Amino acid sequence: MTEFLKSFSLVILSLVLLYVIYTALSYLRMKKARKYYYDLQNELKVGDEVVFLGGVYGKVVHLSSDIAKIDVGSGNVLKVKRESISSKVK
């Protein structure tokens, strides 16, 4: 019986350790992603070429605190939330 308890406690301890490691790695990954998007939003300026979350490309023509106007070609301008911009085109 004691051998069973030792084995069982070792399995539980291993599972808890794996959970802690997974949680820590997930937290660090999310922290890095949050910093990327925060920096992206603060570095946006008129004239930058950007990509939306849906994959649409365009050029920033106007920025306000929470709204961006993006020229997507042929004079079409979309008014979108700044958070919908996923990256800048290099």
PDB file of N, CA and C in Angstrom:
ATOM      1  N   MET A   1       0.818  -1.196   0.000  1.00  0.00           N
ATOM      2  CA  MET A   1       0.000   0.000   0.000  1.00  0.00           C
ATOM      3  C   MET A   1       0.864   1.263   0.000  1.00  0.00           C
ATOM      4  N   THR A   2       1.928   1.270   0.769  1.00  0.00           N
ATOM      5  CA  THR A   2       2.769   2.467   0.811  1.00  0.00           C
ATOM      6  C   THR A   2       3.478   2.684  -0.521  1.00  0.00           C
ATOM      7  N   GLU A   3       3.800   1.599  -1.226  1.00  0.00           N
ATOM      8  CA  GLU A   3       4.433   1.725  -2.546  1.00  0.00           C
ATOM      9  C   GLU A   3       3.461   2.386  -3.535  1.00  0.00           C
ATOM     10  N   PHE A   4       2.198   2.023  -3.426  1.00  0.00           N
ATOM     11  CA  PHE A   4       1.179   2.630  -4.271  1.00  0.00           C
ATOM     12  C   PHE A   4       1.051   4.120  -3.979  1.00  0.00           C
ATOM     13  N   LEU A   5       1.047   4.510  -2.715  1.00  0.00           N
ATOM     14  CA  LEU A   5       0.931   5.926  -2.343  1.00  0.00           C
ATOM     15  C   LEU A   5       2.132   6.719  -2.830  1.00  0.00           C
ATOM     16  N   LYS A   6       3.317   6.126  -2.748  1.00  0.00           N
ATOM     17  CA  LYS A   6       4.514   6.818  -3.241  1.00  0.00           C
ATOM     18  C   LYS A   6       4.415   7.037  -4.752  1.00  0.00           C
ATOM     19  N   SER A   7       3.994   6.016  -5.469  1.00  0.00           N
ATOM     20  CA  SER A   7       3.858   6.132  -6.917  1.00  0.00           C
ATOM     21  C   SER A   7       2.777   7.146  -7.279  1.00  0.00           C
ATOM     22  N   PHE A   8       1.669   7.082  -6.583  1.00  0.00           N
ATOM     23  CA  PHE A   8       0.566   8.000  -6.848  1.00  0.00           C
ATOM     24  C   PHE A   8       0.981   9.443  -6.557  1.00  0.00           C
ATOM     25  N   SER A   9       1.641   9.680  -5.445  1.00  0.00           N
ATOM     26  CA  SER A   9       2.062  11.037  -5.103  1.00  0.00           C
ATOM     27  C   SER A   9       3.116  11.548  -6.089  1.00  0.00           C
ATOM     28  N   LEU A  10       3.960  10.665  -6.599  1.00  0.00           N
ATOM     29  CA  LEU A  10       4.944  11.063  -7.599  1.00  0.00           C
ATOM     30  C   LEU A  10       4.264  11.475  -8.901  1.00  0.00           C
ATOM     31  N   VAL A  11       3.236  10.750  -9.294  1.00  0.00           N
ATOM     32  CA  VAL A  11       2.484  11.096 -10.501  1.00  0.00           C
ATOM     33  C   VAL A  11       1.777  12.438 -10.311  1.00  0.00           C
ATOM     34  N   ILE A  12       1.142  12.631  -9.185  1.00  0.00           N
ATOM     35  CA  ILE A  12       0.443  13.897  -8.910  1.00  0.00           C
ATOM     36  C   ILE A  12       1.435  15.054  -8.878  1.00  0.00           C
ATOM     37  N   LEU A  13       2.562  14.873  -8.236  1.00  0.00           N
ATOM     38  CA  LEU A  13       3.595  15.908  -8.172  1.00  0.00           C
ATOM     39  C   LEU A  13       4.100  16.243  -9.577  1.00  0.00           C
ATOM     40  N   SER A  14       4.286  15.241 -10.413  1.00  0.00           N
ATOM     41  CA  SER A  14       4.731  15.470 -11.794  1.00  0.00           C
ATOM     42  C   SER A  14       3.694  16.266 -12.577  1.00  0.00           C
ATOM     43  N   LEU A  15       2.428  15.933 -12.412  1.00  0.00           N
ATOM     44  CA  LEU A  15       1.364  16.659 -13.103  1.00  0.00           C
ATOM     45  C   LEU A  15       1.279  18.113 -12.643  1.00  0.00           C
ATOM     46  N   VAL A  16       1.414  18.333 -11.358  1.00  0.00           N
ATOM     47  CA  VAL A  16       1.387  19.697 -10.820  1.00  0.00           C
ATOM     48  C   VAL A  16       2.572  20.494 -11.361  1.00  0.00           C
ATOM     49  N   LEU A  17       3.740  19.888 -11.396  1.00  0.00           N
ATOM     50  CA  LEU A  17       4.927  20.555 -11.918  1.00  0.00           C
ATOM     51  C   LEU A  17       4.756  20.905 -13.397  1.00  0.00           C
ATOM     52  N   LEU A  18       4.218  19.992 -14.195  1.00  0.00           N
ATOM     53  CA  LEU A  18       3.968  20.272 -15.605  1.00  0.00           C
ATOM     54  C   LEU A  18       2.954  21.410 -15.778  1.00  0.00           C
ATOM     55  N   TYR A  19       1.927  21.430 -14.946  1.00  0.00           N
ATOM     56  CA  TYR A  19       0.933  22.495 -15.003  1.00  0.00           C
ATOM     57  C   TYR A  19       1.562  23.850 -14.696  1.00  0.00           C
ATOM     58  N   VAL A  20       2.409  23.895 -13.675  1.00  0.00           N
ATOM     59  CA  VAL A  20       3.064  25.151 -13.293  1.00  0.00           C
ATOM     60  C   VAL A  20       3.975  25.639 -14.422  1.00  0.00           C
ATOM     61  N   ILE A  21       4.733  24.741 -15.024  1.00  0.00           N
ATOM     62  CA  ILE A  21       5.618  25.118 -16.126  1.00  0.00           C
ATOM     63  C   ILE A  21       4.810  25.615 -17.324  1.00  0.00           C
ATOM     64  N   TYR A  22       3.746  24.900 -17.670  1.00  0.00           N
ATOM     65  CA  TYR A  22       2.900  25.302 -18.793  1.00  0.00           C
ATOM     66  C   TYR A  22       2.273  26.676 -18.546  1.00  0.00           C
ATOM     67  N   THR A  23       1.784  26.906 -17.350  1.00  0.00           N
ATOM     68  CA  THR A  23       1.161  28.182 -17.013  1.00  0.00           C
ATOM     69  C   THR A  23       2.178  29.315 -17.091  1.00  0.00           C
ATOM     70  N   ALA A  24       3.377  29.095 -16.581  1.00  0.00           N
ATOM     71  CA  ALA A  24       4.416  30.122 -16.616  1.00  0.00           C
ATOM     72  C   ALA A  24       4.803  30.451 -18.054  1.00  0.00           C
ATOM     73  N   LEU A  25       4.973  29.439 -18.886  1.00  0.00           N
ATOM     74  CA  LEU A  25       5.331  29.679 -20.281  1.00  0.00           C
ATOM     75  C   LEU A  25       4.214  30.401 -21.032  1.00  0.00           C
ATOM     76  N   SER A  26       2.978  30.039 -20.761  1.00  0.00           N
ATOM     77  CA  SER A  26       1.841  30.710 -21.399  1.00  0.00           C
ATOM     78  C   SER A  26       1.776  32.173 -20.987  1.00  0.00           C
ATOM     79  N   TYR A  27       2.007  32.446 -19.720  1.00  0.00           N
ATOM     80  CA  TYR A  27       1.994  33.821 -19.221  1.00  0.00           C
ATOM     81  C   TYR A  27       3.077  34.646 -19.908  1.00  0.00           C
ATOM     82  N   LEU A  28       4.279  34.093 -20.012  1.00  0.00           N
ATOM     83  CA  LEU A  28       5.380  34.820 -20.640  1.00  0.00           C
ATOM     84  C   LEU A  28       5.097  35.079 -22.119  1.00  0.00           C
ATOM     85  N   ARG A  29       4.515  34.105 -22.814  1.00  0.00           N
ATOM     86  CA  ARG A  29       4.168  34.274 -24.227  1.00  0.00           C
ATOM     87  C   ARG A  29       3.122  35.377 -24.391  1.00  0.00           C
ATOM     88  N   MET A  30       2.110  35.383 -23.544  1.00  0.00           N
ATOM     89  CA  MET A  30       1.066  36.405 -23.632  1.00  0.00           C
ATOM     90  C   MET A  30       1.611  37.791 -23.287  1.00  0.00           C
ATOM     91  N   LYS A  31       2.519  37.850 -22.328  1.00  0.00           N
ATOM     92  CA  LYS A  31       3.127  39.124 -21.950  1.00  0.00           C
ATOM     93  C   LYS A  31       3.912  39.699 -23.124  1.00  0.00           C
ATOM     94  N   LYS A  32       4.627  38.847 -23.844  1.00  0.00           N
ATOM     95  CA  LYS A  32       5.390  39.275 -25.010  1.00  0.00           C
ATOM     96  C   LYS A  32       4.453  39.779 -26.110  1.00  0.00           C
ATOM     97  N   ALA A  33       3.341  39.071 -26.341  1.00  0.00           N
ATOM     98  CA  ALA A  33       2.377  39.481 -27.365  1.00  0.00           C
ATOM     99  C   ALA A  33       1.725  40.811 -27.000  1.00  0.00           C
ATOM    100  N   ARG A  34       1.374  40.997 -25.727  1.00  0.00           N
ATOM    101  CA  ARG A  34       0.774  42.259 -25.283  1.00  0.00           C
ATOM    102  C   ARG A  34       1.730  43.419 -25.513  1.00  0.00           C
ATOM    103  N   LYS A  35       3.010  43.207 -25.196  1.00  0.00           N
ATOM    104  CA  LYS A  35       4.009  44.257 -25.392  1.00  0.00           C
ATOM    105  C   LYS A  35       4.156  44.587 -26.871  1.00  0.00           C
ATOM    106  N   TYR A  36       4.137  43.572 -27.751  1.00  0.00           N
ATOM    107  CA  TYR A  36       4.246  43.806 -29.191  1.00  0.00           C
ATOM    108  C   TYR A  36       3.098  44.691 -29.676  1.00  0.00           C
ATOM    109  N   TYR A  37       1.861  44.355 -29.313  1.00  0.00           N
ATOM    110  CA  TYR A  37       0.716  45.127 -29.784  1.00  0.00           C
ATOM    111  C   TYR A  37       0.664  46.517 -29.159  1.00  0.00           C
ATOM    112  N   TYR A  38       1.094  46.642 -27.917  1.00  0.00           N
ATOM    113  CA  TYR A  38       1.150  47.951 -27.272  1.00  0.00           C
ATOM    114  C   TYR A  38       2.146  48.838 -28.010  1.00  0.00           C
ATOM    115  N   ASP A  39       3.344  48.309 -28.284  1.00  0.00           N
ATOM    116  CA  ASP A  39       4.358  49.076 -29.011  1.00  0.00           C
ATOM    117  C   ASP A  39       3.889  49.407 -30.423  1.00  0.00           C
ATOM    118  N   LEU A  40       3.226  48.460 -31.084  1.00  0.00           N
ATOM    119  CA  LEU A  40       2.713  48.696 -32.434  1.00  0.00           C
ATOM    120  C   LEU A  40       1.736  49.866 -32.439  1.00  0.00           C
ATOM    121  N   GLN A  41       0.805  49.884 -31.501  1.00  0.00           N
ATOM    122  CA  GLN A  41      -0.189  50.956 -31.450  1.00  0.00           C
ATOM    123  C   GLN A  41       0.462  52.316 -31.170  1.00  0.00           C
ATOM    124  N   ASN A  42       1.475  52.340 -30.318  1.00  0.00           N
ATOM    125  CA  ASN A  42       2.132  53.603 -29.987  1.00  0.00           C
ATOM    126  C   ASN A  42       3.042  54.107 -31.103  1.00  0.00           C
ATOM    127  N   GLU A  43       3.540  53.215 -31.961  1.00  0.00           N
ATOM    128  CA  GLU A  43       4.448  53.608 -33.027  1.00  0.00           C
ATOM    129  C   GLU A  43       3.742  53.933 -34.333  1.00  0.00           C
ATOM    130  N   LEU A  44       2.427  53.692 -34.422  1.00  0.00           N
ATOM    131  CA  LEU A  44       1.696  53.974 -35.659  1.00  0.00           C
ATOM    132  C   LEU A  44       1.729  55.458 -35.982  1.00  0.00           C
ATOM    133  N   LYS A  45       1.904  55.761 -37.264  1.00  0.00           N
ATOM    134  CA  LYS A  45       1.847  57.144 -37.705  1.00  0.00           C
ATOM    135  C   LYS A  45       1.253  57.198 -39.105  1.00  0.00           C
ATOM    136  N   VAL A  46       0.819  58.362 -39.506  1.00  0.00           N
ATOM    137  CA  VAL A  46       0.227  58.541 -40.825  1.00  0.00           C
ATOM    138  C   VAL A  46       1.281  58.194 -41.873  1.00  0.00           C
ATOM    139  N   GLY A  47       0.860  57.416 -42.880  1.00  0.00           N
ATOM    140  CA  GLY A  47       1.769  57.003 -43.949  1.00  0.00           C
ATOM    141  C   GLY A  47       2.274  55.584 -43.797  1.00  0.00           C
ATOM    142  N   ASP A  48       2.099  54.976 -42.621  1.00  0.00           N
ATOM    143  CA  ASP A  48       2.536  53.591 -42.423  1.00  0.00           C
ATOM    144  C   ASP A  48       1.645  52.646 -43.210  1.00  0.00           C
ATOM    145  N   GLU A  49       2.255  51.632 -43.800  1.00  0.00           N
ATOM    146  CA  GLU A  49       1.478  50.570 -44.437  1.00  0.00           C
ATOM    147  C   GLU A  49       1.246  49.491 -43.405  1.00  0.00           C
ATOM    148  N   VAL A  50      -0.017  49.053 -43.278  1.00  0.00           N
ATOM    149  CA  VAL A  50      -0.403  48.129 -42.218  1.00  0.00           C
ATOM    150  C   VAL A  50      -1.221  46.967 -42.775  1.00  0.00           C
ATOM    151  N   VAL A  51      -1.369  45.942 -41.941  1.00  0.00           N
ATOM    152  CA  VAL A  51      -2.203  44.784 -42.256  1.00  0.00           C
ATOM    153  C   VAL A  51      -3.215  44.629 -41.136  1.00  0.00           C
ATOM    154  N   PHE A  52      -4.485  44.417 -41.504  1.00  0.00           N
ATOM    155  CA  PHE A  52      -5.531  44.160 -40.508  1.00  0.00           C
ATOM    156  C   PHE A  52      -5.484  42.711 -40.066  1.00  0.00           C
ATOM    157  N   LEU A  53      -6.219  42.406 -39.013  1.00  0.00           N
ATOM    158  CA  LEU A  53      -6.340  41.028 -38.547  1.00  0.00           C
ATOM    159  C   LEU A  53      -6.931  40.124 -39.615  1.00  0.00           C
ATOM    160  N   GLY A  54      -7.755  40.633 -40.496  1.00  0.00           N
ATOM    161  CA  GLY A  54      -8.363  39.837 -41.552  1.00  0.00           C
ATOM    162  C   GLY A  54      -7.501  39.681 -42.788  1.00  0.00           C
ATOM    163  N   GLY A  55      -6.325  40.337 -42.806  1.00  0.00           N
ATOM    164  CA  GLY A  55      -5.419  40.198 -43.931  1.00  0.00           C
ATOM    165  C   GLY A  55      -5.508  41.309 -44.961  1.00  0.00           C
ATOM    166  N   VAL A  56      -6.266  42.363 -44.700  1.00  0.00           N
ATOM    167  CA  VAL A  56      -6.405  43.472 -45.634  1.00  0.00           C
ATOM    168  C   VAL A  56      -5.223  44.430 -45.442  1.00  0.00           C
ATOM    169  N   TYR A  57      -4.598  44.821 -46.565  1.00  0.00           N
ATOM    170  CA  TYR A  57      -3.484  45.755 -46.533  1.00  0.00           C
ATOM    171  C   TYR A  57      -3.975  47.158 -46.818  1.00  0.00           C
ATOM    172  N   GLY A  58      -3.302  48.167 -46.235  1.00  0.00           N
ATOM    173  CA  GLY A  58      -3.656  49.547 -46.508  1.00  0.00           C
ATOM    174  C   GLY A  58      -2.635  50.501 -45.933  1.00  0.00           C
ATOM    175  N   LYS A  59      -2.879  51.799 -46.169  1.00  0.00           N
ATOM    176  CA  LYS A  59      -1.978  52.849 -45.693  1.00  0.00           C
ATOM    177  C   LYS A  59      -2.749  53.778 -44.762  1.00  0.00           C
ATOM    178  N   VAL A  60      -2.172  54.093 -43.632  1.00  0.00           N
ATOM    179  CA  VAL A  60      -2.808  54.957 -42.635  1.00  0.00           C
ATOM    180  C   VAL A  60      -2.871  56.385 -43.192  1.00  0.00           C
ATOM    181  N   VAL A  61      -4.087  56.967 -43.187  1.00  0.00           N
ATOM    182  CA  VAL A  61      -4.244  58.348 -43.642  1.00  0.00           C
ATOM    183  C   VAL A  61      -4.679  59.273 -42.508  1.00  0.00           C
ATOM    184  N   HIS A  62      -5.195  58.703 -41.417  1.00  0.00           N
ATOM    185  CA  HIS A  62      -5.604  59.524 -40.266  1.00  0.00           C
ATOM    186  C   HIS A  62      -5.612  58.645 -39.023  1.00  0.00           C
ATOM    187  N   LEU A  63      -5.162  59.212 -37.902  1.00  0.00           N
ATOM    188  CA  LEU A  63      -5.176  58.500 -36.620  1.00  0.00           C
ATOM    189  C   LEU A  63      -5.806  59.367 -35.554  1.00  0.00           C
ATOM    190  N   SER A  64      -6.628  58.744 -34.717  1.00  0.00           N
ATOM    191  CA  SER A  64      -7.106  59.391 -33.499  1.00  0.00           C
ATOM    192  C   SER A  64      -6.834  58.423 -32.358  1.00  0.00           C
ATOM    193  N   SER A  65      -7.341  58.717 -31.179  1.00  0.00           N
ATOM    194  CA  SER A  65      -7.009  57.891 -30.013  1.00  0.00           C
ATOM    195  C   SER A  65      -7.459  56.443 -30.153  1.00  0.00           C
ATOM    196  N   ASP A  66      -8.606  56.192 -30.784  1.00  0.00           N
ATOM    197  CA  ASP A  66      -9.072  54.810 -30.917  1.00  0.00           C
ATOM    198  C   ASP A  66      -9.511  54.427 -32.329  1.00  0.00           C
ATOM    199  N   ILE A  67      -9.466  55.365 -33.272  1.00  0.00           N
ATOM    200  CA  ILE A  67      -9.907  55.124 -34.643  1.00  0.00           C
ATOM    201  C   ILE A  67      -8.751  55.395 -35.609  1.00  0.00           C
ATOM    202  N   ALA A  68      -8.673  54.579 -36.648  1.00  0.00           N
ATOM    203  CA  ALA A  68      -7.706  54.805 -37.727  1.00  0.00           C
ATOM    204  C   ALA A  68      -8.468  54.788 -39.047  1.00  0.00           C
ATOM    205  N   LYS A  69      -8.092  55.678 -39.947  1.00  0.00           N
ATOM    206  CA  LYS A  69      -8.653  55.664 -41.297  1.00  0.00           C
ATOM    207  C   LYS A  69      -7.555  55.136 -42.207  1.00  0.00           C
ATOM    208  N   ILE A  70      -7.903  54.079 -42.958  1.00  0.00           N
ATOM    209  CA  ILE A  70      -6.937  53.366 -43.772  1.00  0.00           C
ATOM    210  C   ILE A  70      -7.373  53.410 -45.231  1.00  0.00           C
ATOM    211  N   ASP A  71      -6.459  53.866 -46.106  1.00  0.00           N
ATOM    212  CA  ASP A  71      -6.702  53.845 -47.547  1.00  0.00           C
ATOM    213  C   ASP A  71      -6.310  52.464 -48.053  1.00  0.00           C
ATOM    214  N   VAL A  72      -7.294  51.723 -48.595  1.00  0.00           N
ATOM    215  CA  VAL A  72      -7.048  50.359 -49.054  1.00  0.00           C
ATOM    216  C   VAL A  72      -6.916  50.281 -50.573  1.00  0.00           C
ATOM    217  N   GLY A  73      -6.809  51.398 -51.230  1.00  0.00           N
ATOM    218  CA  GLY A  73      -6.621  51.414 -52.682  1.00  0.00           C
ATOM    219  C   GLY A  73      -7.804  52.011 -53.399  1.00  0.00           C
ATOM    220  N   SER A  74      -7.549  52.584 -54.558  1.00  0.00           N
ATOM    221  CA  SER A  74      -8.584  53.195 -55.405  1.00  0.00           C
ATOM    222  C   SER A  74      -9.379  54.268 -54.666  1.00  0.00           C
ATOM    223  N   GLY A  75      -8.767  54.904 -53.689  1.00  0.00           N
ATOM    224  CA  GLY A  75      -9.440  55.968 -52.949  1.00  0.00           C
ATOM    225  C   GLY A  75     -10.425  55.484 -51.908  1.00  0.00           C
ATOM    226  N   ASN A  76     -10.510  54.180 -51.670  1.00  0.00           N
ATOM    227  CA  ASN A  76     -11.409  53.646 -50.645  1.00  0.00           C
ATOM    228  C   ASN A  76     -10.754  53.761 -49.281  1.00  0.00           C
ATOM    229  N   VAL A  77     -11.442  54.424 -48.369  1.00  0.00           N
ATOM    230  CA  VAL A  77     -10.912  54.628 -47.019  1.00  0.00           C
ATOM    231  C   VAL A  77     -11.808  53.905 -46.026  1.00  0.00           C
ATOM    232  N   LEU A  78     -11.188  53.038 -45.215  1.00  0.00           N
ATOM    233  CA  LEU A  78     -11.922  52.317 -44.175  1.00  0.00           C
ATOM    234  C   LEU A  78     -11.666  52.973 -42.829  1.00  0.00           C
ATOM    235  N   LYS A  79     -12.709  53.090 -42.041  1.00  0.00           N
ATOM    236  CA  LYS A  79     -12.605  53.606 -40.687  1.00  0.00           C
ATOM    237  C   LYS A  79     -12.656  52.398 -39.753  1.00  0.00           C
ATOM    238  N   VAL A  80     -11.566  52.143 -39.029  1.00  0.00           N
ATOM    239  CA  VAL A  80     -11.469  50.939 -38.198  1.00  0.00           C
ATOM    240  C   VAL A  80     -10.941  51.304 -36.809  1.00  0.00           C
ATOM    241  N   LYS A  81     -11.149  50.388 -35.873  1.00  0.00           N
ATOM    242  CA  LYS A  81     -10.538  50.545 -34.552  1.00  0.00           C
ATOM    243  C   LYS A  81      -9.048  50.269 -34.679  1.00  0.00           C
ATOM    244  N   ARG A  82      -8.252  51.002 -33.958  1.00  0.00           N
ATOM    245  CA  ARG A  82      -6.787  50.826 -34.034  1.00  0.00           C
ATOM    246  C   ARG A  82      -6.365  49.421 -33.638  1.00  0.00           C
ATOM    247  N   GLU A  83      -7.108  48.790 -32.737  1.00  0.00           N
ATOM    248  CA  GLU A  83      -6.758  47.451 -32.266  1.00  0.00           C
ATOM    249  C   GLU A  83      -6.864  46.387 -33.338  1.00  0.00           C
ATOM    250  N   SER A  84      -7.573  46.690 -34.442  1.00  0.00           N
ATOM    251  CA  SER A  84      -7.717  45.716 -35.515  1.00  0.00           C
ATOM    252  C   SER A  84      -6.492  45.651 -36.414  1.00  0.00           C
ATOM    253  N   ILE A  85      -5.525  46.536 -36.218  1.00  0.00           N
ATOM    254  CA  ILE A  85      -4.294  46.524 -36.996  1.00  0.00           C
ATOM    255  C   ILE A  85      -3.354  45.505 -36.360  1.00  0.00           C
ATOM    256  N   SER A  86      -2.944  44.505 -37.160  1.00  0.00           N
ATOM    257  CA  SER A  86      -2.129  43.429 -36.589  1.00  0.00           C
ATOM    258  C   SER A  86      -0.634  43.617 -36.781  1.00  0.00           C
ATOM    259  N   SER A  87      -0.233  44.326 -37.830  1.00  0.00           N
ATOM    260  CA  SER A  87       1.208  44.537 -38.034  1.00  0.00           C
ATOM    261  C   SER A  87       1.443  45.640 -39.041  1.00  0.00           C
ATOM    262  N   LYS A  88       2.697  46.118 -39.084  1.00  0.00           N
ATOM    263  CA  LYS A  88       3.118  47.077 -40.095  1.00  0.00           C
ATOM    264  C   LYS A  88       3.859  46.319 -41.180  1.00  0.00           C
ATOM    265  N   VAL A  89       3.684  46.780 -42.431  1.00  0.00           N
ATOM    266  CA  VAL A  89       4.392  46.187 -43.559  1.00  0.00           C
ATOM    267  C   VAL A  89       5.761  46.852 -43.634  1.00  0.00           C
ATOM    268  N   LYS A  90       6.780  46.028 -43.775  1.00  0.00           N
ATOM    269  CA  LYS A  90       8.140  46.590 -43.797  1.00  0.00           C
ATOM    270  C   LYS A  90       8.613  46.827 -45.176  1.00  0.00           C
TER     271      LYS A  90
END
